[in-house]
C-alpha atoms as a PDB file:
ATOM      1  CA  MET A   1     223.799 -72.930 -78.138  1.00  0.00           C
ATOM      2  CA  LYS A   2     222.388 -72.607 -81.653  1.00  0.00           C
ATOM      3  CA  LYS A   3     223.124 -69.518 -83.653  1.00  0.00           C
ATOM      4  CA  ALA A   4     219.980 -67.541 -84.627  1.00  0.00           C
ATOM      5  CA  VAL A   5     218.983 -67.579 -88.321  1.00  0.00           C
ATOM      6  CA  TYR A   6     217.678 -64.307 -89.649  1.00  0.00           C
ATOM      7  CA  LEU A   7     215.508 -63.603 -92.686  1.00  0.00           C
ATOM      8  CA  LYS A   8     218.430 -62.023 -94.544  1.00  0.00           C
ATOM      9  CA  ASP A   9     220.337 -65.311 -94.222  1.00  0.00           C
ATOM     10  CA  LEU A  10     217.833 -66.973 -96.701  1.00  0.00           C
ATOM     11  CA  LEU A  11     218.220 -64.456 -99.461  1.00  0.00           C
ATOM     12  CA  GLY A  12     220.124 -65.613-102.557  1.00  0.00           C
ATOM     13  CA  ARG A  13     220.128 -69.235-101.301  1.00  0.00           C
ATOM     14  CA  ASN A  14     216.747 -70.387-102.759  1.00  0.00           C
ATOM     15  CA  MET A  15     215.481 -70.855 -99.148  1.00  0.00           C
ATOM     16  CA  ARG A  16     212.113 -70.058 -97.715  1.00  0.00           C
ATOM     17  CA  VAL A  17     210.448 -70.022 -94.288  1.00  0.00           C
ATOM     18  CA  ALA A  18     208.377 -73.131 -93.490  1.00  0.00           C
ATOM     19  CA  ALA A  19     205.500 -72.269 -91.067  1.00  0.00           C
ATOM     20  CA  THR A  20     203.584 -75.097 -89.308  1.00  0.00           C
ATOM     21  CA  CYS A  21     200.428 -74.388 -87.549  1.00  0.00           C
ATOM     22  CA  GLY A  22     200.593 -75.509 -83.962  1.00  0.00           C
ATOM     23  CA  GLN A  23     196.912 -76.221 -83.853  1.00  0.00           C
ATOM     24  CA  CYS A  24     195.947 -77.937 -87.239  1.00  0.00           C
ATOM     25  CA  ARG A  25     199.479 -78.816 -88.423  1.00  0.00           C
ATOM     26  CA  TRP A  26     198.954 -77.074 -91.844  1.00  0.00           C
ATOM     27  CA  ILE A  27     202.318 -76.284 -93.354  1.00  0.00           C
ATOM     28  CA  VAL A  28     203.076 -73.444 -95.822  1.00  0.00           C
ATOM     29  CA  GLU A  29     206.316 -72.008 -97.126  1.00  0.00           C
ATOM     30  CA  ILE A  30     206.820 -68.203 -97.451  1.00  0.00           C
ATOM     31  CA  TRP A  31     209.387 -66.499 -99.544  1.00  0.00           C
ATOM     32  CA  PRO A  32     211.669 -64.411 -97.284  1.00  0.00           C
ATOM     33  CA  GLY A  33     211.374 -61.308 -99.395  1.00  0.00           C
ATOM     34  CA  SER A  34     207.685 -60.708 -98.392  1.00  0.00           C
ATOM     35  CA  LEU A  35     208.625 -61.174 -94.717  1.00  0.00           C
ATOM     36  CA  ILE A  36     211.718 -58.861 -94.992  1.00  0.00           C
ATOM     37  CA  GLU A  37     209.389 -56.037 -96.450  1.00  0.00           C
ATOM     38  CA  LYS A  38     207.236 -56.226 -93.272  1.00  0.00           C
ATOM     39  CA  LEU A  39     209.700 -57.303 -90.481  1.00  0.00           C
ATOM     40  CA  GLY A  40     213.084 -56.213 -91.766  1.00  0.00           C
ATOM     41  CA  PRO A  41     216.205 -58.336 -92.732  1.00  0.00           C
ATOM     42  CA  ASP A  42     217.486 -58.707 -89.125  1.00  0.00           C
ATOM     43  CA  PHE A  43     214.314 -60.473 -87.883  1.00  0.00           C
ATOM     44  CA  PRO A  44     214.992 -63.950 -86.392  1.00  0.00           C
ATOM     45  CA  ILE A  45     213.153 -66.788 -88.292  1.00  0.00           C
ATOM     46  CA  ALA A  46     212.105 -68.404 -85.032  1.00  0.00           C
ATOM     47  CA  ASP A  47     210.316 -65.197 -84.019  1.00  0.00           C
ATOM     48  CA  VAL A  48     208.222 -64.993 -87.222  1.00  0.00           C
ATOM     49  CA  GLY A  49     205.757 -67.745 -86.208  1.00  0.00           C
ATOM     50  CA  PRO A  50     203.761 -65.766 -83.516  1.00  0.00           C
ATOM     51  CA  ARG A  51     203.114 -63.089 -86.142  1.00  0.00           C
ATOM     52  CA  LEU A  52     201.477 -65.402 -88.602  1.00  0.00           C
ATOM     53  CA  ARG A  53     197.893 -66.478 -88.796  1.00  0.00           C
ATOM     54  CA  CYS A  54     197.012 -69.896 -90.160  1.00  0.00           C
ATOM     55  CA  THR A  55     195.221 -69.791 -93.517  1.00  0.00           C
ATOM     56  CA  ARG A  56     193.409 -72.964 -92.783  1.00  0.00           C
ATOM     57  CA  CYS A  57     192.204 -72.704 -89.081  1.00  0.00           C
ATOM     58  CA  ASN A  58     192.954 -68.964 -88.285  1.00  0.00           C
ATOM     59  CA  ALA A  59     195.148 -69.886 -85.209  1.00  0.00           C
ATOM     60  CA  LYS A  60     198.186 -67.788 -84.322  1.00  0.00           C
ATOM     61  CA  LYS A  61     200.351 -70.594 -83.128  1.00  0.00           C
ATOM     62  CA  ALA A  62     202.794 -71.069 -85.934  1.00  0.00           C
ATOM     63  CA  ILE A  63     206.341 -72.571 -85.633  1.00  0.00           C
ATOM     64  CA  THR A  64     208.826 -71.275 -88.281  1.00  0.00           C
ATOM     65  CA  VAL A  65     212.125 -72.781 -89.569  1.00  0.00           C
ATOM     66  CA  PRO A  66     214.225 -72.295 -92.651  1.00  0.00           C
ATOM     67  CA  SER A  67     213.486 -74.630 -95.558  1.00  0.00           C
ATOM     68  CA  ASP A  68     215.558 -75.447 -98.604  1.00  0.00           C
ATOM     69  CA  ASP A  69     213.688 -78.565 -99.865  1.00  0.00           C
ATOM     70  CA  PRO A  70     211.309 -77.563-102.686  1.00  0.00           C
ATOM     71  CA  ASP A  71     209.636 -81.025-102.612  1.00  0.00           C
ATOM     72  CA  ARG A  72     208.981 -81.070 -98.877  1.00  0.00           C
ATOM     73  CA  TYR A  73     205.951 -78.879 -98.794  1.00  0.00           C
ATOM     74  CA  ASN A  74     203.506 -78.164-101.564  1.00  0.00           C
ATOM     75  CA  ASN A  75     201.568 -75.202 -99.970  1.00  0.00           C
ATOM     76  CA  MET A  76     203.674 -72.427-101.233  1.00  0.00           C
ATOM     77  CA  VAL A  77     202.378 -68.937-100.648  1.00  0.00           C
ATOM     78  CA  PRO A  78     203.936 -65.747-102.060  1.00  0.00           C
ATOM     79  CA  GLY A  79     203.184 -63.702 -98.903  1.00  0.00           C
ATOM     80  CA  CYS A  80     201.390 -63.876 -95.627  1.00  0.00           C
ATOM     81  CA  GLU A  81     199.488 -61.879 -93.049  1.00  0.00           C
ATOM     82  CA  VAL A  82     202.261 -60.607 -90.672  1.00  0.00           C
ATOM     83  CA  ARG A  83     201.981 -58.129 -87.849  1.00  0.00           C
ATOM     84  CA  PRO A  84     204.637 -55.344 -88.067  1.00  0.00           C
ATOM     85  CA  PRO A  85     207.306 -55.372 -85.307  1.00  0.00           C
ATOM     86  CA  GLU A  86     206.233 -53.555 -82.100  1.00  0.00           C
END
């Protein structure tokens, strides 16, 4: 069983959250600080995806994973549209 990775785990490690749209496959990277402000540091990265809206097709079907490769994606965004926790 895999250990959950939380937003706080990315801080200080130059890592981001990579979000891939499940509909159009658009990929963006989001700095964890902007997500922590909205969702809190103990929020699991895998649970961020359903709270995002694609900036390309407007779908809400994102898959989110940690990313530490700055050359992998070129669609870096400083923030995102995120629903607060319920």
